[in-house]
Amino acid sequence: MISFKGAQFPKEVILFAVFFYVRYGVSYRDVEEIMEERGVTVDNATLNRWVIKYSPLIALAAKKINGL
């Protein structure tokens, strides 16, 4: 289980932003605009930190679920 303890945003917001960045290969500024369209104001530097911190953890969790 990935810990979101201490995060100022709900885990759903973080996961959506990281998924969108990784899956579609858009820029942090593009994700920032997409999130703003959905009513979430987040800086592109924060998005960068989320991707660096959570994308490896998400990939590891996915591997465990798929038995790899």
PDB file of N, CA and C in Angstrom:
ATOM      1  N   MET A   1       0.843  -1.184   0.000  1.00  0.00           N
ATOM      2  CA  MET A   1       0.000   0.000   0.000  1.00  0.00           C
ATOM      3  C   MET A   1       0.884   1.241   0.000  1.00  0.00           C
ATOM      4  N   ILE A   2       0.545   2.178  -0.829  1.00  0.00           N
ATOM      5  CA  ILE A   2       1.308   3.412  -0.935  1.00  0.00           C
ATOM      6  C   ILE A   2       0.815   4.381   0.131  1.00  0.00           C
ATOM      7  N   SER A   3       1.734   4.956   0.877  1.00  0.00           N
ATOM      8  CA  SER A   3       1.378   5.891   1.937  1.00  0.00           C
ATOM      9  C   SER A   3       1.340   7.318   1.392  1.00  0.00           C
ATOM     10  N   PHE A   4       0.239   7.977   1.656  1.00  0.00           N
ATOM     11  CA  PHE A   4       0.087   9.379   1.277  1.00  0.00           C
ATOM     12  C   PHE A   4       0.081  10.266   2.516  1.00  0.00           C
ATOM     13  N   LYS A   5       0.623   9.739   3.580  1.00  0.00           N
ATOM     14  CA  LYS A   5       0.658  10.477   4.847  1.00  0.00           C
ATOM     15  C   LYS A   5       1.447  11.777   4.668  1.00  0.00           C
ATOM     16  N   GLY A   6       0.884  12.852   5.119  1.00  0.00           N
ATOM     17  CA  GLY A   6       1.535  14.152   5.031  1.00  0.00           C
ATOM     18  C   GLY A   6       1.248  14.907   3.743  1.00  0.00           C
ATOM     19  N   ALA A   7       0.577  14.261   2.805  1.00  0.00           N
ATOM     20  CA  ALA A   7       0.241  14.930   1.543  1.00  0.00           C
ATOM     21  C   ALA A   7      -0.879  15.931   1.790  1.00  0.00           C
ATOM     22  N   GLN A   8      -0.792  17.076   1.131  1.00  0.00           N
ATOM     23  CA  GLN A   8      -1.792  18.120   1.319  1.00  0.00           C
ATOM     24  C   GLN A   8      -2.984  17.962   0.374  1.00  0.00           C
ATOM     25  N   PHE A   9      -2.885  17.036  -0.564  1.00  0.00           N
ATOM     26  CA  PHE A   9      -3.959  16.777  -1.509  1.00  0.00           C
ATOM     27  C   PHE A   9      -4.469  15.355  -1.284  1.00  0.00           C
ATOM     28  N   PRO A  10      -5.726  15.108  -1.625  1.00  0.00           N
ATOM     29  CA  PRO A  10      -6.243  13.737  -1.513  1.00  0.00           C
ATOM     30  C   PRO A  10      -5.485  12.788  -2.440  1.00  0.00           C
ATOM     31  N   LYS A  11      -5.410  11.532  -2.032  1.00  0.00           N
ATOM     32  CA  LYS A  11      -4.652  10.563  -2.819  1.00  0.00           C
ATOM     33  C   LYS A  11      -5.217  10.409  -4.216  1.00  0.00           C
ATOM     34  N   GLU A  12      -6.524  10.572  -4.394  1.00  0.00           N
ATOM     35  CA  GLU A  12      -7.135  10.455  -5.713  1.00  0.00           C
ATOM     36  C   GLU A  12      -6.604  11.520  -6.666  1.00  0.00           C
ATOM     37  N   VAL A  13      -6.400  12.717  -6.161  1.00  0.00           N
ATOM     38  CA  VAL A  13      -5.877  13.818  -6.974  1.00  0.00           C
ATOM     39  C   VAL A  13      -4.441  13.512  -7.388  1.00  0.00           C
ATOM     40  N   ILE A  14      -3.641  13.063  -6.449  1.00  0.00           N
ATOM     41  CA  ILE A  14      -2.239  12.746  -6.734  1.00  0.00           C
ATOM     42  C   ILE A  14      -2.146  11.612  -7.746  1.00  0.00           C
ATOM     43  N   LEU A  15      -2.916  10.544  -7.525  1.00  0.00           N
ATOM     44  CA  LEU A  15      -2.870   9.412  -8.445  1.00  0.00           C
ATOM     45  C   LEU A  15      -3.331   9.792  -9.840  1.00  0.00           C
ATOM     46  N   PHE A  16      -4.376  10.605  -9.941  1.00  0.00           N
ATOM     47  CA  PHE A  16      -4.860  11.041 -11.246  1.00  0.00           C
ATOM     48  C   PHE A  16      -3.787  11.833 -11.977  1.00  0.00           C
ATOM     49  N   ALA A  17      -3.155  12.771 -11.286  1.00  0.00           N
ATOM     50  CA  ALA A  17      -2.135  13.615 -11.920  1.00  0.00           C
ATOM     51  C   ALA A  17      -0.934  12.791 -12.370  1.00  0.00           C
ATOM     52  N   VAL A  18      -0.460  11.902 -11.519  1.00  0.00           N
ATOM     53  CA  VAL A  18       0.696  11.072 -11.865  1.00  0.00           C
ATOM     54  C   VAL A  18       0.344  10.140 -13.022  1.00  0.00           C
ATOM     55  N   PHE A  19      -0.833   9.507 -12.948  1.00  0.00           N
ATOM     56  CA  PHE A  19      -1.270   8.626 -14.031  1.00  0.00           C
ATOM     57  C   PHE A  19      -1.337   9.384 -15.349  1.00  0.00           C
ATOM     58  N   PHE A  20      -1.933  10.552 -15.325  1.00  0.00           N
ATOM     59  CA  PHE A  20      -2.096  11.321 -16.556  1.00  0.00           C
ATOM     60  C   PHE A  20      -0.738  11.699 -17.139  1.00  0.00           C
ATOM     61  N   TYR A  21       0.196  12.117 -16.296  1.00  0.00           N
ATOM     62  CA  TYR A  21       1.526  12.502 -16.772  1.00  0.00           C
ATOM     63  C   TYR A  21       2.255  11.306 -17.389  1.00  0.00           C
ATOM     64  N   VAL A  22       2.228  10.183 -16.692  1.00  0.00           N
ATOM     65  CA  VAL A  22       2.970   9.010 -17.154  1.00  0.00           C
ATOM     66  C   VAL A  22       2.298   8.385 -18.374  1.00  0.00           C
ATOM     67  N   ARG A  23       0.989   8.263 -18.343  1.00  0.00           N
ATOM     68  CA  ARG A  23       0.263   7.564 -19.407  1.00  0.00           C
ATOM     69  C   ARG A  23       0.283   8.331 -20.729  1.00  0.00           C
ATOM     70  N   TYR A  24       0.094   9.627 -20.686  1.00  0.00           N
ATOM     71  CA  TYR A  24      -0.052  10.399 -21.917  1.00  0.00           C
ATOM     72  C   TYR A  24       1.181  11.204 -22.300  1.00  0.00           C
ATOM     73  N   GLY A  25       2.194  11.215 -21.473  1.00  0.00           N
ATOM     74  CA  GLY A  25       3.449  11.874 -21.828  1.00  0.00           C
ATOM     75  C   GLY A  25       3.324  13.364 -22.075  1.00  0.00           C
ATOM     76  N   VAL A  26       2.437  14.009 -21.341  1.00  0.00           N
ATOM     77  CA  VAL A  26       2.280  15.451 -21.475  1.00  0.00           C
ATOM     78  C   VAL A  26       3.230  16.156 -20.509  1.00  0.00           C
ATOM     79  N   SER A  27       3.365  17.443 -20.673  1.00  0.00           N
ATOM     80  CA  SER A  27       4.265  18.200 -19.800  1.00  0.00           C
ATOM     81  C   SER A  27       3.591  18.467 -18.452  1.00  0.00           C
ATOM     82  N   TYR A  28       4.405  18.852 -17.485  1.00  0.00           N
ATOM     83  CA  TYR A  28       3.861  19.199 -16.171  1.00  0.00           C
ATOM     84  C   TYR A  28       2.918  20.385 -16.283  1.00  0.00           C
ATOM     85  N   ARG A  29       3.242  21.319 -17.124  1.00  0.00           N
ATOM     86  CA  ARG A  29       2.360  22.481 -17.306  1.00  0.00           C
ATOM     87  C   ARG A  29       1.027  22.075 -17.927  1.00  0.00           C
ATOM     88  N   ASP A  30       1.057  21.092 -18.827  1.00  0.00           N
ATOM     89  CA  ASP A  30      -0.190  20.587 -19.390  1.00  0.00           C
ATOM     90  C   ASP A  30      -1.040  19.916 -18.311  1.00  0.00           C
ATOM     91  N   VAL A  31      -0.412  19.113 -17.468  1.00  0.00           N
ATOM     92  CA  VAL A  31      -1.143  18.466 -16.378  1.00  0.00           C
ATOM     93  C   VAL A  31      -1.678  19.522 -15.422  1.00  0.00           C
ATOM     94  N   GLU A  32      -0.898  20.558 -15.172  1.00  0.00           N
ATOM     95  CA  GLU A  32      -1.347  21.655 -14.315  1.00  0.00           C
ATOM     96  C   GLU A  32      -2.634  22.263 -14.874  1.00  0.00           C
ATOM     97  N   GLU A  33      -2.679  22.502 -16.183  1.00  0.00           N
ATOM     98  CA  GLU A  33      -3.882  23.060 -16.814  1.00  0.00           C
ATOM     99  C   GLU A  33      -5.058  22.086 -16.739  1.00  0.00           C
ATOM    100  N   ILE A  34      -4.783  20.808 -16.966  1.00  0.00           N
ATOM    101  CA  ILE A  34      -5.838  19.786 -16.906  1.00  0.00           C
ATOM    102  C   ILE A  34      -6.432  19.728 -15.498  1.00  0.00           C
ATOM    103  N   MET A  35      -5.565  19.773 -14.497  1.00  0.00           N
ATOM    104  CA  MET A  35      -6.042  19.736 -13.121  1.00  0.00           C
ATOM    105  C   MET A  35      -6.846  20.991 -12.792  1.00  0.00           C
ATOM    106  N   GLU A  36      -6.397  22.129 -13.309  1.00  0.00           N
ATOM    107  CA  GLU A  36      -7.113  23.381 -13.061  1.00  0.00           C
ATOM    108  C   GLU A  36      -8.512  23.338 -13.681  1.00  0.00           C
ATOM    109  N   GLU A  37      -8.629  22.717 -14.857  1.00  0.00           N
ATOM    110  CA  GLU A  37      -9.943  22.558 -15.493  1.00  0.00           C
ATOM    111  C   GLU A  37     -10.874  21.723 -14.623  1.00  0.00           C
ATOM    112  N   ARG A  38     -10.308  20.868 -13.800  1.00  0.00           N
ATOM    113  CA  ARG A  38     -11.092  20.011 -12.919  1.00  0.00           C
ATOM    114  C   ARG A  38     -11.234  20.603 -11.511  1.00  0.00           C
ATOM    115  N   GLY A  39     -10.811  21.856 -11.356  1.00  0.00           N
ATOM    116  CA  GLY A  39     -11.011  22.557 -10.093  1.00  0.00           C
ATOM    117  C   GLY A  39      -9.917  22.375  -9.063  1.00  0.00           C
ATOM    118  N   VAL A  40      -8.767  21.837  -9.471  1.00  0.00           N
ATOM    119  CA  VAL A  40      -7.654  21.620  -8.540  1.00  0.00           C
ATOM    120  C   VAL A  40      -6.492  22.507  -8.962  1.00  0.00           C
ATOM    121  N   THR A  41      -6.099  23.404  -8.092  1.00  0.00           N
ATOM    122  CA  THR A  41      -4.968  24.278  -8.372  1.00  0.00           C
ATOM    123  C   THR A  41      -3.712  23.656  -7.770  1.00  0.00           C
ATOM    124  N   VAL A  42      -2.791  23.285  -8.646  1.00  0.00           N
ATOM    125  CA  VAL A  42      -1.539  22.665  -8.206  1.00  0.00           C
ATOM    126  C   VAL A  42      -0.421  23.167  -9.114  1.00  0.00           C
ATOM    127  N   ASP A  43       0.719  23.455  -8.530  1.00  0.00           N
ATOM    128  CA  ASP A  43       1.861  23.974  -9.264  1.00  0.00           C
ATOM    129  C   ASP A  43       2.574  22.846 -10.002  1.00  0.00           C
ATOM    130  N   ASN A  44       3.180  23.193 -11.146  1.00  0.00           N
ATOM    131  CA  ASN A  44       3.880  22.164 -11.922  1.00  0.00           C
ATOM    132  C   ASN A  44       5.086  21.602 -11.171  1.00  0.00           C
ATOM    133  N   ALA A  45       5.696  22.363 -10.276  1.00  0.00           N
ATOM    134  CA  ALA A  45       6.808  21.840  -9.467  1.00  0.00           C
ATOM    135  C   ALA A  45       6.302  20.772  -8.491  1.00  0.00           C
ATOM    136  N   THR A  46       5.100  20.962  -7.976  1.00  0.00           N
ATOM    137  CA  THR A  46       4.491  19.961  -7.107  1.00  0.00           C
ATOM    138  C   THR A  46       4.204  18.690  -7.894  1.00  0.00           C
ATOM    139  N   LEU A  47       3.718  18.850  -9.098  1.00  0.00           N
ATOM    140  CA  LEU A  47       3.480  17.691  -9.966  1.00  0.00           C
ATOM    141  C   LEU A  47       4.773  16.925 -10.203  1.00  0.00           C
ATOM    142  N   ASN A  48       5.851  17.649 -10.419  1.00  0.00           N
ATOM    143  CA  ASN A  48       7.159  17.016 -10.616  1.00  0.00           C
ATOM    144  C   ASN A  48       7.533  16.185  -9.395  1.00  0.00           C
ATOM    145  N   ARG A  49       7.370  16.744  -8.207  1.00  0.00           N
ATOM    146  CA  ARG A  49       7.693  16.011  -6.970  1.00  0.00           C
ATOM    147  C   ARG A  49       6.822  14.773  -6.827  1.00  0.00           C
ATOM    148  N   TRP A  50       5.539  14.886  -7.175  1.00  0.00           N
ATOM    149  CA  TRP A  50       4.640  13.738  -7.093  1.00  0.00           C
ATOM    150  C   TRP A  50       5.092  12.621  -8.032  1.00  0.00           C
ATOM    151  N   VAL A  51       5.445  12.977  -9.250  1.00  0.00           N
ATOM    152  CA  VAL A  51       5.863  11.963 -10.219  1.00  0.00           C
ATOM    153  C   VAL A  51       7.135  11.271  -9.741  1.00  0.00           C
ATOM    154  N   ILE A  52       8.084  12.045  -9.259  1.00  0.00           N
ATOM    155  CA  ILE A  52       9.340  11.467  -8.771  1.00  0.00           C
ATOM    156  C   ILE A  52       9.096  10.556  -7.563  1.00  0.00           C
ATOM    157  N   LYS A  53       8.211  10.971  -6.671  1.00  0.00           N
ATOM    158  CA  LYS A  53       7.980  10.209  -5.445  1.00  0.00           C
ATOM    159  C   LYS A  53       7.062   9.007  -5.663  1.00  0.00           C
ATOM    160  N   TYR A  54       5.966   9.192  -6.388  1.00  0.00           N
ATOM    161  CA  TYR A  54       4.929   8.168  -6.430  1.00  0.00           C
ATOM    162  C   TYR A  54       4.973   7.241  -7.640  1.00  0.00           C
ATOM    163  N   SER A  55       5.521   7.657  -8.761  1.00  0.00           N
ATOM    164  CA  SER A  55       5.482   6.777  -9.940  1.00  0.00           C
ATOM    165  C   SER A  55       6.244   5.462  -9.722  1.00  0.00           C
ATOM    166  N   PRO A  56       7.420   5.471  -9.081  1.00  0.00           N
ATOM    167  CA  PRO A  56       8.066   4.169  -8.823  1.00  0.00           C
ATOM    168  C   PRO A  56       7.258   3.292  -7.859  1.00  0.00           C
ATOM    169  N   LEU A  57       6.603   3.906  -6.880  1.00  0.00           N
ATOM    170  CA  LEU A  57       5.797   3.152  -5.929  1.00  0.00           C
ATOM    171  C   LEU A  57       4.566   2.552  -6.608  1.00  0.00           C
ATOM    172  N   ILE A  58       3.964   3.304  -7.513  1.00  0.00           N
ATOM    173  CA  ILE A  58       2.806   2.809  -8.254  1.00  0.00           C
ATOM    174  C   ILE A  58       3.227   1.648  -9.147  1.00  0.00           C
ATOM    175  N   ALA A  59       4.363   1.784  -9.815  1.00  0.00           N
ATOM    176  CA  ALA A  59       4.851   0.709 -10.693  1.00  0.00           C
ATOM    177  C   ALA A  59       5.136  -0.561  -9.881  1.00  0.00           C
ATOM    178  N   LEU A  60       5.732  -0.415  -8.724  1.00  0.00           N
ATOM    179  CA  LEU A  60       6.031  -1.569  -7.862  1.00  0.00           C
ATOM    180  C   LEU A  60       4.739  -2.237  -7.393  1.00  0.00           C
ATOM    181  N   ALA A  61       3.756  -1.432  -7.002  1.00  0.00           N
ATOM    182  CA  ALA A  61       2.483  -1.989  -6.565  1.00  0.00           C
ATOM    183  C   ALA A  61       1.780  -2.718  -7.708  1.00  0.00           C
ATOM    184  N   ALA A  62       1.873  -2.185  -8.914  1.00  0.00           N
ATOM    185  CA  ALA A  62       1.259  -2.833 -10.074  1.00  0.00           C
ATOM    186  C   ALA A  62       1.923  -4.176 -10.362  1.00  0.00           C
ATOM    187  N   LYS A  63       3.241  -4.233 -10.214  1.00  0.00           N
ATOM    188  CA  LYS A  63       3.958  -5.479 -10.438  1.00  0.00           C
ATOM    189  C   LYS A  63       3.541  -6.542  -9.430  1.00  0.00           C
ATOM    190  N   LYS A  64       3.363  -6.130  -8.179  1.00  0.00           N
ATOM    191  CA  LYS A  64       2.938  -7.069  -7.143  1.00  0.00           C
ATOM    192  C   LYS A  64       1.539  -7.606  -7.426  1.00  0.00           C
ATOM    193  N   ILE A  65       0.661  -6.747  -7.886  1.00  0.00           N
ATOM    194  CA  ILE A  65      -0.712  -7.169  -8.188  1.00  0.00           C
ATOM    195  C   ILE A  65      -0.716  -8.160  -9.357  1.00  0.00           C
ATOM    196  N   ASN A  66       0.112  -7.911 -10.345  1.00  0.00           N
ATOM    197  CA  ASN A  66       0.165  -8.771 -11.530  1.00  0.00           C
ATOM    198  C   ASN A  66       1.062  -9.994 -11.340  1.00  0.00           C
ATOM    199  N   GLY A  67       1.669 -10.112 -10.188  1.00  0.00           N
ATOM    200  CA  GLY A  67       2.508 -11.278  -9.900  1.00  0.00           C
ATOM    201  C   GLY A  67       3.826 -11.303 -10.641  1.00  0.00           C
ATOM    202  N   LEU A  68       4.343 -10.159 -11.016  1.00  0.00           N
ATOM    203  CA  LEU A  68       5.629 -10.096 -11.733  1.00  0.00           C
ATOM    204  C   LEU A  68       6.788  -9.888 -10.792  1.00  0.00           C
TER     205      LEU A  68
END
